[in-house]
């Protein structure tokens, strides 16, 4: 990670310029930093979780946006013409691009984005909170794809930011007990304080514990928010017959899964990638209402310290749920 001086970007037609307030560090960016993410290939300016203030409005940009307005940004840029894009599902656009991967992202003082991707923050919402909209929206989408879970037991593998947000979104959709596993004690403590039933993956058989707690049946839905072989397998084996498994974690882009178990028990396996436009706005509302949060485990750090925090998060995140960089 290196800090570089570049000329300030200038908004073109249909674009706005944002003075970045806060930009979060995402697990996918940690993988990109390690060279394990085929989408995030250096050299590039990371940062797809951010919010800030409109600094300039380009020609033809939305009349609803104005200089000085606080906004967050949906970083998915679809083609705008295909059926997914025209129905608010740009996450399914086959030619979608991502701010922070295909275009310079929010780890900077200024970033230019399509005006259509900017979402005004509710009156009184701190920019710091608005910067959490993107990962919160991932959790909202996961919970939606988990299916009808009101009154049901569910399981989340991984107590990182996405796992914690998914757990809260599942609770908002009416889940009963939400079992949460991880190998980091500090993150398990966060999950416990947010209402999770904790399973320490270091010293117990997660699948056996899930089966025991549910009378041998298994959970109605399971979410893999990690993306490695063991967590994917745990989700499948811990889910009841005809239950739903949602794969969201992308730590390993490929890997074996117990296919015979999926077939014989008619498990529904779904991928969850990012969010719809409605999910993004719903997440913003949940944050504004205080229904989803990662406080008090958020660390703010100046942008020049970004490289140090990437190294820290990979070595041992401790009691930090999210790092927000600020220029």
Protein backbone atom coordinates (compact mmCIF):
# COMPACT_ATOMS: atom_id res chain seq x y z
CA UNK A 1 0.00 0.00 0.00
CA UNK A 2 1.43 3.35 -1.01
CA UNK A 3 0.23 6.93 -0.72
CA UNK A 4 0.48 8.88 -3.98
CA UNK A 5 -0.19 12.46 -5.02
CA UNK A 6 -2.55 12.82 -7.98
CA UNK A 7 -4.41 15.69 -9.56
CA UNK A 8 -7.90 16.28 -8.23
CA UNK A 9 -10.45 14.48 -10.43
CA UNK A 10 -12.95 16.61 -12.34
CA UNK A 11 -16.58 15.50 -12.75
CA UNK A 12 -17.65 14.86 -16.32
CA UNK A 13 -21.17 14.83 -17.76
CA UNK A 14 -23.58 13.07 -15.41
CA UNK A 15 -20.97 12.85 -12.65
CA UNK A 16 -20.40 14.48 -9.28
CA UNK A 17 -17.23 15.04 -7.29
CA UNK A 18 -17.28 13.93 -3.65
CA UNK A 19 -14.98 15.10 -0.90
CA UNK A 20 -14.56 11.85 1.00
CA UNK A 21 -15.40 11.91 4.69
CA UNK A 22 -14.85 8.26 5.58
CA UNK A 23 -14.02 5.11 3.58
CA UNK A 24 -14.14 1.63 5.09
CA UNK A 25 -11.71 -1.25 4.71
CA UNK A 26 -13.50 -4.32 3.34
CA UNK A 27 -12.47 -7.96 3.55
CA UNK A 28 -12.47 -8.17 -0.24
CA UNK A 29 -9.86 -5.42 -0.28
CA UNK A 30 -7.75 -7.36 2.21
CA UNK A 31 -7.85 -10.26 -0.25
CA UNK A 32 -6.94 -7.91 -3.09
CA UNK A 33 -4.04 -6.58 -1.03
CA UNK A 34 -2.80 -10.18 -0.73
CA UNK A 35 -3.31 -10.82 -4.43
CA UNK A 36 -6.14 -13.31 -3.86
CA UNK A 37 -8.97 -11.39 -5.54
CA UNK A 38 -9.21 -11.53 -9.33
CA UNK A 39 -11.29 -8.34 -9.41
CA UNK A 40 -8.98 -6.16 -7.31
CA UNK A 41 -5.72 -6.05 -9.22
CA UNK A 42 -3.21 -3.28 -8.47
CA UNK A 43 -2.33 -0.61 -9.29
CA UNK A 44 -5.62 0.98 -8.30
CA UNK A 45 -7.22 3.21 -5.70
CA UNK A 46 -9.21 0.99 -3.32
CA UNK A 47 -12.33 2.04 -1.47
CA UNK A 48 -15.93 1.10 -2.30
CA UNK A 49 -17.47 1.76 1.13
CA UNK A 50 -17.55 5.53 1.52
CA UNK A 51 -19.55 8.67 2.13
CA UNK A 52 -18.78 12.35 1.97
CA UNK A 53 -19.87 15.76 0.76
CA UNK A 54 -20.72 16.81 -2.80
CA UNK A 55 -17.89 19.13 -3.85
CA UNK A 56 -18.95 19.75 -7.46
CA UNK A 57 -21.73 18.74 -9.84
CA UNK A 58 -20.87 17.97 -13.45
CA UNK A 59 -22.95 19.00 -16.46
CA UNK A 60 -26.20 17.08 -16.84
CA UNK A 61 -25.93 15.51 -13.39
CA UNK A 62 -29.07 14.91 -11.34
CA UNK A 63 -30.78 18.17 -10.38
CA UNK A 64 -31.52 16.65 -7.00
CA UNK A 65 -27.88 16.83 -5.94
CA UNK A 66 -26.18 20.02 -4.86
CA UNK A 67 -22.83 21.24 -3.58
CA UNK A 68 -22.45 20.69 0.15
CA UNK A 69 -24.95 17.82 0.30
CA UNK A 70 -23.88 14.73 2.26
CA UNK A 71 -24.16 11.47 0.35
CA UNK A 72 -23.14 7.85 0.34
CA UNK A 73 -22.50 5.94 -2.86
CA UNK A 74 -23.68 2.65 -4.31
CA UNK A 75 -20.37 1.59 -5.90
CA UNK A 76 -21.94 -0.79 -8.45
CA UNK A 77 -22.06 0.81 -11.89
CA UNK A 78 -24.30 -1.15 -14.25
CA UNK A 79 -24.82 -0.64 -17.96
CA UNK A 80 -28.20 0.97 -17.26
CA UNK A 81 -29.86 -0.76 -20.22
CA UNK A 82 -30.20 -4.46 -19.44
CA UNK A 83 -33.17 -6.02 -17.65
CA UNK A 84 -31.40 -6.29 -14.26
CA UNK A 85 -30.36 -2.63 -14.38
CA UNK A 86 -33.80 -1.34 -15.36
CA UNK A 87 -35.39 -3.32 -12.51
CA UNK A 88 -33.02 -2.09 -9.80
CA UNK A 89 -30.79 -5.18 -9.79
CA UNK A 90 -27.53 -3.76 -11.13
CA UNK A 91 -25.70 -6.34 -9.01
CA UNK A 92 -26.78 -8.87 -11.67
CA UNK A 93 -25.68 -6.79 -14.66
CA UNK A 94 -23.22 -8.88 -16.65
CA UNK A 95 -21.16 -5.81 -17.54
CA UNK A 96 -21.27 -4.17 -14.10
CA UNK A 97 -18.22 -2.34 -12.83
CA UNK A 98 -17.18 -1.37 -9.33
CA UNK A 99 -15.93 1.93 -7.98
CA UNK A 100 -12.73 0.99 -6.19
CA UNK A 101 -11.88 -1.72 -8.71
CA UNK A 102 -12.64 -0.61 -12.28
CA UNK A 103 -12.62 3.08 -11.31
CA UNK A 104 -10.62 4.94 -8.63
CA UNK A 105 -12.26 4.52 -5.24
CA UNK A 106 -12.71 6.34 -1.98
CA UNK A 107 -9.24 6.03 -0.43
CA UNK A 108 -8.58 9.60 -1.51
CA UNK A 109 -9.52 13.17 -0.73
CA UNK A 110 -11.81 13.32 -3.74
CA UNK A 111 -13.56 10.76 -5.93
CA UNK A 112 -15.81 11.25 -8.93
CA UNK A 113 -18.85 9.00 -9.33
CA UNK A 114 -21.97 8.80 -11.51
CA UNK A 115 -24.59 11.10 -10.02
CA UNK A 116 -27.11 8.26 -10.30
CA UNK A 117 -25.07 6.23 -7.80
CA UNK A 118 -25.11 8.88 -5.07
CA UNK A 119 -27.71 8.49 -2.33
CA UNK A 120 -28.36 11.51 -0.07
CA UNK A 121 -27.95 10.87 3.63
CA UNK A 122 -31.01 11.42 5.85
CA UNK A 123 -31.04 14.74 7.65
CA UNK A 124 -28.88 14.51 10.74
CA UNK A 125 -27.06 11.28 9.78
CA UNK A 126 -23.30 11.56 10.39
CA UNK A 127 -21.10 10.92 7.36
CA UNK A 128 -19.34 8.29 9.46
CA UNK A 129 -22.59 6.30 9.71
CA UNK A 130 -23.37 6.80 6.04
CA UNK A 131 -20.05 5.20 5.12
CA UNK A 132 -21.36 1.94 6.61
CA UNK A 133 -24.26 1.70 4.14
CA UNK A 134 -22.48 -0.51 1.61
CA UNK A 135 -21.53 -3.37 3.98
CA UNK A 136 -24.88 -3.07 5.77
CA UNK A 137 -26.62 -3.48 2.41
CA UNK A 138 -24.69 -6.72 1.83
CA UNK A 139 -26.17 -8.01 5.10
CA UNK A 140 -29.66 -6.91 4.09
CA UNK A 141 -29.37 -8.79 0.79
CA UNK A 142 -28.12 -11.94 2.51
CA UNK A 143 -31.08 -11.94 4.91
CA UNK A 144 -33.51 -11.44 2.05
CA UNK A 145 -32.10 -14.43 0.15
CA UNK A 146 -32.22 -16.62 3.27
CA UNK A 147 -35.96 -16.96 2.66
CA UNK A 148 -38.82 -17.14 5.17
CA UNK A 149 -36.99 -17.36 8.50
CA UNK A 150 -39.44 -15.73 10.89
CA UNK A 151 -39.39 -17.74 14.11
CA UNK A 152 -36.69 -20.05 12.75
CA UNK A 153 -33.15 -20.81 13.92
CA UNK A 154 -30.37 -19.70 11.56
CA UNK A 155 -26.57 -19.87 11.46
CA UNK A 156 -23.92 -17.37 10.35
CA UNK A 157 -20.32 -18.48 9.80
CA UNK A 158 -17.99 -15.54 10.30
CA UNK A 159 -18.25 -12.62 12.72
CA UNK A 160 -16.54 -10.06 10.54
CA UNK A 161 -18.42 -6.93 9.47
CA UNK A 162 -20.57 -8.76 6.89
CA UNK A 163 -21.40 -11.59 9.28
CA UNK A 164 -22.36 -9.12 12.02
CA UNK A 165 -24.50 -7.08 9.65
CA UNK A 166 -26.11 -10.24 8.24
CA UNK A 167 -26.92 -11.39 11.76
CA UNK A 168 -28.67 -8.11 12.52
CA UNK A 169 -30.56 -8.17 9.23
CA UNK A 170 -31.72 -11.74 9.91
CA UNK A 171 -32.96 -10.59 13.31
CA UNK A 172 -34.92 -7.78 11.66
CA UNK A 173 -36.57 -10.37 9.41
CA UNK A 174 -37.78 -12.28 12.46
CA UNK A 175 -35.21 -15.03 13.01
CA UNK A 176 -35.39 -16.68 16.43
CA UNK A 177 -31.95 -17.88 17.52
CA UNK A 178 -28.99 -16.82 15.40
CA UNK A 179 -25.93 -19.00 15.90
CA UNK A 180 -22.64 -17.29 15.07
CA UNK A 181 -19.22 -18.91 14.68
CA UNK A 182 -15.72 -17.50 14.38
CA UNK A 183 -12.16 -18.19 15.52
CA UNK A 184 -11.49 -14.71 16.92
CA UNK A 185 -12.62 -14.32 20.56
CA UNK A 186 -13.00 -10.54 20.29
CA UNK A 187 -15.32 -10.84 17.31
CA UNK A 188 -17.35 -13.53 19.03
CA UNK A 189 -17.75 -11.12 21.93
CA UNK A 190 -19.08 -8.50 19.51
CA UNK A 191 -21.55 -11.03 18.14
CA UNK A 192 -22.70 -11.96 21.63
CA UNK A 193 -23.38 -8.32 22.49
CA UNK A 194 -25.41 -8.00 19.29
CA UNK A 195 -27.56 -10.96 20.30
CA UNK A 196 -25.86 -13.95 18.67
CA UNK A 197 -25.66 -17.49 20.09
CA UNK A 198 -21.89 -17.96 20.07
CA UNK A 199 -20.03 -20.98 18.70
CA UNK A 200 -16.26 -20.82 19.13
CA UNK A 201 -14.96 -22.61 16.03
CA UNK A 202 -11.54 -23.16 17.61
CA UNK A 203 -12.54 -25.76 20.17
CA UNK A 204 -15.84 -27.31 19.20
CA UNK A 205 -17.53 -29.12 16.33
CA UNK A 206 -19.75 -26.39 14.90
CA UNK A 207 -22.00 -28.78 12.97
CA UNK A 208 -22.48 -31.07 15.98
CA UNK A 209 -23.36 -28.09 18.15
CA UNK A 210 -25.91 -26.82 15.63
CA UNK A 211 -27.51 -30.26 15.43
CA UNK A 212 -27.56 -30.62 19.19
CA UNK A 213 -29.12 -27.19 19.72
CA UNK A 214 -31.86 -27.86 17.16
CA UNK A 215 -32.82 -31.35 18.30
CA UNK A 216 -30.87 -32.99 15.49
CA UNK A 217 -32.78 -31.20 12.76
CA UNK A 218 -30.41 -28.39 11.81
CA UNK A 219 -31.07 -24.71 11.14
CA UNK A 220 -33.55 -23.39 8.60
CA UNK A 221 -30.93 -21.25 6.86
CA UNK A 222 -27.17 -20.81 7.05
CA UNK A 223 -24.93 -18.01 5.81
CA UNK A 224 -21.27 -18.37 4.92
CA UNK A 225 -19.75 -14.92 5.41
CA UNK A 226 -16.18 -16.24 5.22
CA UNK A 227 -15.75 -18.19 2.01
CA UNK A 228 -13.43 -21.08 2.78
CA UNK A 229 -13.95 -24.82 2.46
CA UNK A 230 -14.62 -25.50 6.14
CA UNK A 231 -17.25 -22.76 6.58
CA UNK A 232 -19.04 -23.67 3.36
CA UNK A 233 -19.16 -27.30 4.48
CA UNK A 234 -20.38 -26.35 7.97
CA UNK A 235 -23.22 -24.33 6.50
CA UNK A 236 -24.40 -27.19 4.31
CA UNK A 237 -24.06 -29.89 6.96
CA UNK A 238 -25.64 -27.76 9.68
CA UNK A 239 -28.73 -26.90 7.63
CA UNK A 240 -31.85 -29.02 7.82
CA UNK A 241 -33.25 -30.98 4.89
CA UNK A 242 -34.69 -28.62 2.25
CA UNK A 243 -33.15 -25.65 4.07
CA UNK A 244 -31.32 -22.73 2.46
CA UNK A 245 -27.61 -21.95 2.41
CA UNK A 246 -26.41 -18.51 1.31
CA UNK A 247 -22.82 -18.16 0.10
CA UNK A 248 -21.51 -14.62 0.42
CA UNK A 249 -17.87 -14.94 1.52
CA UNK A 250 -15.28 -14.80 -1.26
CA UNK A 251 -12.07 -15.65 0.58
CA UNK A 252 -11.48 -18.66 -1.69
CA UNK A 253 -12.91 -18.20 -5.16
CA UNK A 254 -13.08 -21.97 -5.72
CA UNK A 255 -13.24 -25.00 -3.45
CA UNK A 256 -14.95 -28.35 -2.83
CA UNK A 257 -18.41 -28.63 -1.29
CA UNK A 258 -20.33 -31.77 -0.17
CA UNK A 259 -22.38 -32.03 -3.35
CA UNK A 260 -23.94 -35.40 -2.49
CA UNK A 261 -25.29 -34.01 0.77
CA UNK A 262 -26.81 -31.06 -1.09
CA UNK A 263 -28.48 -33.40 -3.58
CA UNK A 264 -29.75 -36.03 -1.17
CA UNK A 265 -31.23 -33.52 1.26
CA UNK A 266 -32.43 -31.07 -1.40
CA UNK A 267 -30.53 -28.16 0.11
CA UNK A 268 -31.06 -24.86 -1.68
CA UNK A 269 -27.72 -23.12 -2.21
CA UNK A 270 -27.79 -19.45 -3.22
CA UNK A 271 -25.08 -16.98 -4.03
CA UNK A 272 -25.46 -13.47 -2.66
CA UNK A 273 -23.52 -10.70 -4.38
CA UNK A 274 -23.79 -7.15 -3.13
CA UNK A 275 -27.39 -5.83 -3.10
CA UNK A 276 -30.25 -4.41 -5.09
CA UNK A 277 -30.95 -0.67 -5.18
CA UNK A 278 -33.79 -1.27 -2.71
CA UNK A 279 -31.49 -3.23 -0.37
CA UNK A 280 -29.03 -0.32 -0.37
CA UNK A 281 -31.68 2.21 0.59
CA UNK A 282 -33.17 -0.17 3.17
CA UNK A 283 -29.74 -0.53 4.78
CA UNK A 284 -29.38 3.25 4.93
CA UNK A 285 -32.74 3.45 6.70
CA UNK A 286 -31.78 0.71 9.19
CA UNK A 287 -28.56 2.56 10.03
CA UNK A 288 -30.41 5.84 10.43
CA UNK A 289 -32.93 4.23 12.79
CA UNK A 290 -30.16 2.58 14.82
CA UNK A 291 -31.40 -0.90 13.88
CA UNK A 292 -28.03 -1.95 12.44
CA UNK A 293 -24.62 -0.93 13.75
CA UNK A 294 -21.02 -1.93 14.37
CA UNK A 295 -20.42 0.51 17.20
CA UNK A 296 -18.57 0.66 19.52
CA UNK A 297 -16.01 -1.40 17.62
CA UNK A 298 -15.27 1.04 14.77
CA UNK A 299 -11.78 2.51 14.48
CA UNK A 300 -11.16 5.80 12.68
CA UNK A 301 -7.73 6.31 11.14
CA UNK A 302 -6.08 8.87 8.87
CA UNK A 303 -5.64 7.79 5.27
CA UNK A 304 -1.81 7.69 5.47
CA UNK A 305 -2.17 4.95 8.12
CA UNK A 306 -4.20 2.76 5.75
CA UNK A 307 -1.33 0.39 4.98
CA UNK A 308 -0.70 -0.20 8.69
CA UNK A 309 -4.35 -1.05 9.23
CA UNK A 310 -4.40 -3.50 6.32
CA UNK A 311 -1.51 -5.33 7.97
CA UNK A 312 -3.17 -5.19 11.41
CA UNK A 313 -6.51 -6.52 10.16
CA UNK A 314 -4.80 -9.43 8.44
CA UNK A 315 -2.65 -10.29 11.44
CA UNK A 316 -5.18 -9.93 14.26
CA UNK A 317 -8.18 -7.56 14.07
CA UNK A 318 -8.76 -7.79 17.82
CA UNK A 319 -11.80 -5.87 18.99
CA UNK A 320 -12.06 -3.82 15.77
CA UNK A 321 -15.09 -4.53 13.60
CA UNK A 322 -14.49 -1.90 10.94
CA UNK A 323 -11.75 0.60 10.11
CA UNK A 324 -12.86 3.88 8.55
CA UNK A 325 -10.12 5.85 6.84
CA UNK A 326 -10.45 9.61 6.57
CA UNK A 327 -8.34 11.94 4.39
